[in-house]
């Protein structure tokens, strides 16, 4: 997945061309929680921080790992 964000709103495109729209919520412990939905109602969510990157998982158990520039 790759994409861009403005403030807390993020738009991602996956390897199949699907668009995911969502948000990032900063937590008090320094982590960020991510939630995304596509136009078909599917969702992915996950967590990230500055040290270990981002891990997202969908409702089918598929996992994406990466980082935020």
Protein backbone atom coordinates (compact mmCIF):
# COMPACT_ATOMS: atom_id res chain seq x y z
CA UNK A 1 0.00 0.00 0.00
CA UNK A 2 1.07 3.56 -0.59
CA UNK A 3 -0.55 6.93 -0.27
CA UNK A 4 -0.58 10.33 1.31
CA UNK A 5 -2.23 12.15 4.14
CA UNK A 6 -3.20 15.61 5.29
CA UNK A 7 -3.54 16.16 9.03
CA UNK A 8 -5.31 13.01 10.28
CA UNK A 9 -6.94 12.02 6.95
CA UNK A 10 -5.10 9.40 4.86
CA UNK A 11 -5.74 7.91 1.41
CA UNK A 12 -4.03 4.65 0.41
CA UNK A 13 -3.94 2.52 -2.73
CA UNK A 14 -3.24 -1.20 -2.41
CA UNK A 15 -1.51 -3.55 -4.86
CA UNK A 16 -4.83 -4.26 -6.61
CA UNK A 17 -5.66 -0.57 -7.19
CA UNK A 18 -8.28 -0.36 -4.42
CA UNK A 19 -8.54 3.00 -2.65
CA UNK A 20 -8.68 3.05 1.16
CA UNK A 21 -9.70 6.19 3.06
CA UNK A 22 -9.17 6.60 6.74
CA UNK A 23 -7.67 8.38 9.66
CA UNK A 24 -4.83 8.27 12.13
CA UNK A 25 -5.43 8.79 15.85
CA UNK A 26 -2.38 9.64 17.95
CA UNK A 27 -2.36 7.94 21.34
CA UNK A 28 -0.85 9.22 24.59
CA UNK A 29 1.80 6.45 24.57
CA UNK A 30 3.31 7.66 21.26
CA UNK A 31 1.61 5.10 19.03
CA UNK A 32 -0.78 5.87 16.19
CA UNK A 33 -3.94 3.85 15.51
CA UNK A 34 -5.05 3.62 11.87
CA UNK A 35 -8.53 2.81 10.49
CA UNK A 36 -9.43 2.59 6.81
CA UNK A 37 -12.44 1.66 4.65
CA UNK A 38 -12.75 1.04 0.94
CA UNK A 39 -15.76 1.77 -1.31
CA UNK A 40 -17.04 -1.82 -0.84
CA UNK A 41 -17.28 -1.47 2.95
CA UNK A 42 -14.17 -3.51 3.72
CA UNK A 43 -12.00 -2.29 6.57
CA UNK A 44 -8.40 -2.50 7.71
CA UNK A 45 -6.92 -1.23 10.94
CA UNK A 46 -3.63 -1.26 12.73
CA UNK A 47 -1.04 0.47 14.81
CA UNK A 48 2.29 2.15 14.25
CA UNK A 49 5.06 4.07 15.96
CA UNK A 50 8.31 5.80 15.04
CA UNK A 51 10.49 2.82 15.98
CA UNK A 52 8.82 -0.23 14.44
CA UNK A 53 6.73 1.08 11.54
CA UNK A 54 3.09 0.27 10.77
CA UNK A 55 1.16 -3.01 10.80
CA UNK A 56 -2.33 -3.14 9.23
CA UNK A 57 -4.72 -6.12 9.19
CA UNK A 58 -8.01 -6.64 7.38
CA UNK A 59 -11.06 -8.67 8.46
CA UNK A 60 -9.75 -11.67 6.48
CA UNK A 61 -6.42 -11.81 8.32
CA UNK A 62 -4.30 -10.28 5.54
CA UNK A 63 -1.44 -8.22 6.96
CA UNK A 64 0.48 -5.25 5.54
CA UNK A 65 3.70 -4.06 7.16
CA UNK A 66 5.48 -0.85 6.31
CA UNK A 67 6.57 2.56 7.41
CA UNK A 68 5.49 6.20 7.24
CA UNK A 69 7.80 8.79 5.67
